[in-house]
N, C-alpha and C. Protein backbone atom coordinates (compact mmCIF):
# COMPACT_ATOMS: atom_id res chain seq x y z
N MET A 1 50.27 -14.63 -27.81
CA MET A 1 48.86 -14.04 -27.72
C MET A 1 47.91 -14.73 -27.02
N GLU A 2 46.75 -13.74 -26.45
CA GLU A 2 46.11 -13.77 -25.13
C GLU A 2 44.69 -13.48 -26.17
N GLU A 3 43.98 -13.89 -26.03
CA GLU A 3 42.24 -13.44 -26.01
C GLU A 3 41.91 -12.17 -24.91
N LEU A 4 41.31 -11.18 -25.82
CA LEU A 4 41.05 -9.87 -24.95
C LEU A 4 39.65 -9.90 -25.04
N LEU A 5 39.08 -10.36 -26.19
CA LEU A 5 37.67 -10.29 -26.12
C LEU A 5 37.06 -11.12 -27.11
N ARG A 6 35.86 -11.79 -26.68
CA ARG A 6 35.17 -12.68 -27.87
C ARG A 6 33.92 -11.82 -28.10
N THR A 7 33.41 -12.05 -29.04
CA THR A 7 32.20 -11.28 -29.30
C THR A 7 31.21 -12.04 -30.68
N ASN A 8 29.91 -11.72 -30.77
CA ASN A 8 29.28 -12.03 -32.01
C ASN A 8 28.82 -10.33 -32.36
N ASP A 9 28.89 -9.37 -31.81
CA ASP A 9 28.77 -8.03 -32.32
C ASP A 9 29.64 -7.53 -33.15
N ILE A 10 29.11 -7.11 -34.53
CA ILE A 10 30.31 -6.50 -35.29
C ILE A 10 31.04 -5.62 -35.44
N THR A 11 30.10 -4.68 -34.61
CA THR A 11 30.88 -3.30 -34.50
C THR A 11 31.67 -3.38 -33.39
N LEU A 12 31.55 -4.23 -32.31
CA LEU A 12 32.69 -4.17 -31.15
C LEU A 12 34.10 -4.16 -31.41
N ILE A 13 34.30 -4.93 -32.63
CA ILE A 13 36.04 -5.72 -32.85
C ILE A 13 36.52 -4.36 -33.67
N PRO A 14 35.66 -3.66 -34.48
CA PRO A 14 36.24 -2.70 -35.35
C PRO A 14 36.80 -1.52 -34.16
N LEU A 15 35.66 -1.37 -33.16
CA LEU A 15 36.21 -0.38 -32.12
C LEU A 15 37.21 -0.31 -31.33
N ALA A 16 37.30 -1.88 -30.83
CA ALA A 16 38.49 -2.18 -30.13
C ALA A 16 39.79 -2.27 -30.77
N ARG A 17 39.80 -2.40 -31.96
CA ARG A 17 40.97 -2.32 -32.65
C ARG A 17 41.43 -0.73 -32.90
N THR A 18 40.34 0.03 -33.22
CA THR A 18 40.45 1.55 -33.11
C THR A 18 41.53 2.13 -32.23
N LEU A 19 40.81 1.62 -30.87
CA LEU A 19 40.89 1.98 -29.87
C LEU A 19 42.66 1.60 -29.66
N LEU A 20 42.67 0.30 -29.57
CA LEU A 20 44.07 -0.34 -29.20
C LEU A 20 44.97 0.44 -30.26
N ASP A 21 44.72 0.51 -31.59
CA ASP A 21 45.83 0.83 -32.22
C ASP A 21 46.29 2.36 -31.96
N GLU A 22 45.40 3.29 -31.86
CA GLU A 22 45.82 4.51 -31.17
C GLU A 22 46.39 4.45 -29.95
N ALA A 23 46.26 3.46 -29.13
CA ALA A 23 47.29 3.21 -27.85
C ALA A 23 48.56 2.34 -28.07
N GLY A 24 48.57 2.44 -29.54
CA GLY A 24 49.79 1.33 -29.90
C GLY A 24 49.92 -0.06 -29.30
N ILE A 25 49.01 -0.44 -29.30
CA ILE A 25 48.84 -2.24 -29.00
C ILE A 25 48.48 -2.47 -30.12
N ASP A 26 49.06 -3.55 -30.40
CA ASP A 26 48.99 -4.48 -31.81
C ASP A 26 47.80 -5.45 -31.50
N SER A 27 46.81 -6.03 -32.31
CA SER A 27 45.72 -6.78 -32.25
C SER A 27 45.73 -7.49 -33.73
N PHE A 28 45.01 -8.66 -33.43
CA PHE A 28 44.72 -9.48 -34.23
C PHE A 28 43.65 -10.09 -34.09
N GLU A 29 42.47 -10.25 -35.53
CA GLU A 29 41.33 -11.14 -35.14
C GLU A 29 41.19 -11.92 -35.58
N LEU A 30 40.62 -13.30 -34.73
CA LEU A 30 40.80 -14.53 -35.06
C LEU A 30 39.08 -14.85 -35.92
N ASP A 31 38.76 -15.84 -36.13
CA ASP A 31 37.58 -16.71 -36.63
C ASP A 31 36.58 -15.74 -37.55
N VAL A 32 37.81 -14.56 -38.18
CA VAL A 32 36.78 -13.94 -39.36
C VAL A 32 36.43 -14.80 -40.80
N ASN A 33 37.35 -15.73 -40.99
CA ASN A 33 36.82 -16.31 -41.80
C ASN A 33 35.75 -17.44 -41.75
N MET A 34 35.82 -18.00 -40.70
CA MET A 34 34.52 -18.95 -39.92
C MET A 34 33.20 -18.18 -39.97
N SER A 35 33.07 -16.69 -39.37
CA SER A 35 32.22 -16.27 -39.29
C SER A 35 31.64 -15.88 -40.78
N VAL A 36 32.41 -15.61 -41.78
CA VAL A 36 31.75 -15.40 -43.48
C VAL A 36 31.21 -16.99 -43.84
N LEU A 37 32.21 -18.00 -43.61
CA LEU A 37 31.39 -19.12 -43.65
C LEU A 37 29.94 -19.64 -43.33
N GLU A 38 29.70 -19.18 -41.91
CA GLU A 38 28.30 -19.21 -41.69
C GLU A 38 27.66 -18.38 -42.09
N GLY A 39 27.69 -17.46 -42.95
CA GLY A 39 26.98 -16.78 -43.68
C GLY A 39 26.58 -15.40 -43.03
N SER A 40 27.84 -14.85 -41.97
CA SER A 40 27.70 -13.68 -41.43
C SER A 40 25.98 -13.41 -40.34
N ILE A 41 25.75 -14.22 -39.83
CA ILE A 41 24.60 -14.22 -39.28
C ILE A 41 24.53 -14.24 -37.80
N GLY A 42 26.05 -13.96 -37.28
CA GLY A 42 26.35 -13.81 -36.30
C GLY A 42 26.21 -15.10 -34.86
N ILE A 43 26.26 -16.23 -35.79
CA ILE A 43 26.16 -17.60 -34.63
C ILE A 43 27.81 -17.51 -34.15
N LEU A 44 28.57 -17.49 -34.81
CA LEU A 44 29.94 -17.79 -34.40
C LEU A 44 30.66 -16.66 -34.26
N PRO A 45 31.07 -16.76 -32.74
CA PRO A 45 31.98 -15.20 -32.31
C PRO A 45 33.42 -14.96 -32.84
N ARG A 46 33.75 -13.60 -33.12
CA ARG A 46 34.98 -13.39 -33.46
C ARG A 46 35.93 -12.97 -32.12
N ARG A 47 37.11 -13.32 -32.37
CA ARG A 47 38.24 -13.33 -31.17
C ARG A 47 39.27 -12.07 -31.80
N LEU A 48 39.61 -11.49 -30.58
CA LEU A 48 40.63 -10.47 -30.67
C LEU A 48 41.73 -10.66 -29.95
N MET A 49 43.00 -10.80 -30.57
CA MET A 49 44.02 -11.08 -29.56
C MET A 49 44.85 -10.37 -29.43
N VAL A 50 45.56 -10.13 -28.33
CA VAL A 50 46.72 -9.30 -28.30
C VAL A 50 48.07 -9.99 -27.48
N ARG A 51 49.13 -9.41 -27.77
CA ARG A 51 50.51 -10.01 -27.35
C ARG A 51 50.32 -10.21 -25.44
N SER A 52 50.64 -11.58 -25.21
CA SER A 52 50.53 -11.50 -23.52
C SER A 52 50.59 -10.29 -22.78
N ALA A 53 52.06 -10.04 -23.00
CA ALA A 53 52.69 -8.59 -22.24
C ALA A 53 51.78 -7.36 -22.57
N GLU A 54 50.74 -7.35 -23.37
CA GLU A 54 49.79 -5.90 -23.21
C GLU A 54 48.51 -6.31 -22.95
N LEU A 55 48.15 -7.53 -22.53
CA LEU A 55 46.73 -7.98 -22.48
C LEU A 55 46.06 -6.83 -20.88
N GLU A 56 47.23 -7.01 -19.75
CA GLU A 56 46.25 -5.50 -18.85
C GLU A 56 45.96 -4.29 -19.40
N GLN A 57 47.08 -3.90 -20.47
CA GLN A 57 46.95 -2.51 -21.03
C GLN A 57 45.92 -2.50 -21.48
N ALA A 58 45.58 -3.36 -22.69
CA ALA A 58 44.91 -3.32 -23.85
C ALA A 58 43.04 -3.52 -22.73
N ARG A 59 43.15 -4.09 -22.25
CA ARG A 59 41.68 -4.22 -20.92
C ARG A 59 41.37 -2.65 -20.46
N ARG A 60 42.72 -2.66 -20.05
CA ARG A 60 42.38 -0.92 -19.35
C ARG A 60 42.12 0.25 -20.61
N VAL A 61 42.53 -0.06 -21.50
CA VAL A 61 42.24 1.00 -23.11
C VAL A 61 40.61 0.82 -22.74
N LEU A 62 40.26 -0.43 -23.26
CA LEU A 62 39.08 -0.61 -23.39
C LEU A 62 38.02 -0.24 -22.44
N ARG A 63 38.40 -0.37 -21.36
CA ARG A 63 37.66 -0.25 -19.96
C ARG A 63 37.28 1.57 -19.88
N ASP A 64 38.73 1.75 -20.01
CA ASP A 64 38.20 3.77 -20.02
C ASP A 64 37.73 4.13 -21.15
N PHE A 65 37.58 3.46 -22.39
CA PHE A 65 36.44 4.11 -23.33
C PHE A 65 35.26 3.53 -22.86
N GLY A 66 34.88 2.46 -22.18
CA GLY A 66 33.78 2.41 -21.62
C GLY A 66 32.98 0.91 -22.52
N VAL A 67 34.26 0.12 -22.96
CA VAL A 67 33.59 -1.08 -23.80
C VAL A 67 33.48 -1.95 -23.11
N LYS A 68 32.09 -2.69 -23.28
CA LYS A 68 32.00 -3.78 -22.53
C LYS A 68 32.15 -5.28 -22.80
N PHE A 69 33.14 -5.88 -21.94
CA PHE A 69 33.70 -7.09 -22.49
C PHE A 69 34.09 -7.88 -21.10
N GLU A 70 34.13 -9.05 -21.66
CA GLU A 70 34.23 -10.18 -20.22
C GLU A 70 35.79 -10.20 -20.20
N GLY A 71 36.53 -10.28 -18.97
CA GLY A 71 37.91 -10.51 -18.90
C GLY A 71 38.47 -9.59 -18.07
């Protein structure tokens, strides 16, 4: 698994996951429980992971839909 994006924006991960799902790319969200433990005030970022073989395709999908992310 490779990190596709890391964000404190609570709306970005669900958007990205929806776009990836529609493209047939599986994704997995990490650090959800840590974010809940810190009180959901947005200090700790969440990470969205994809299979290594699908990383470039996943980046392309997000860029095509105008999703801003590093990577």
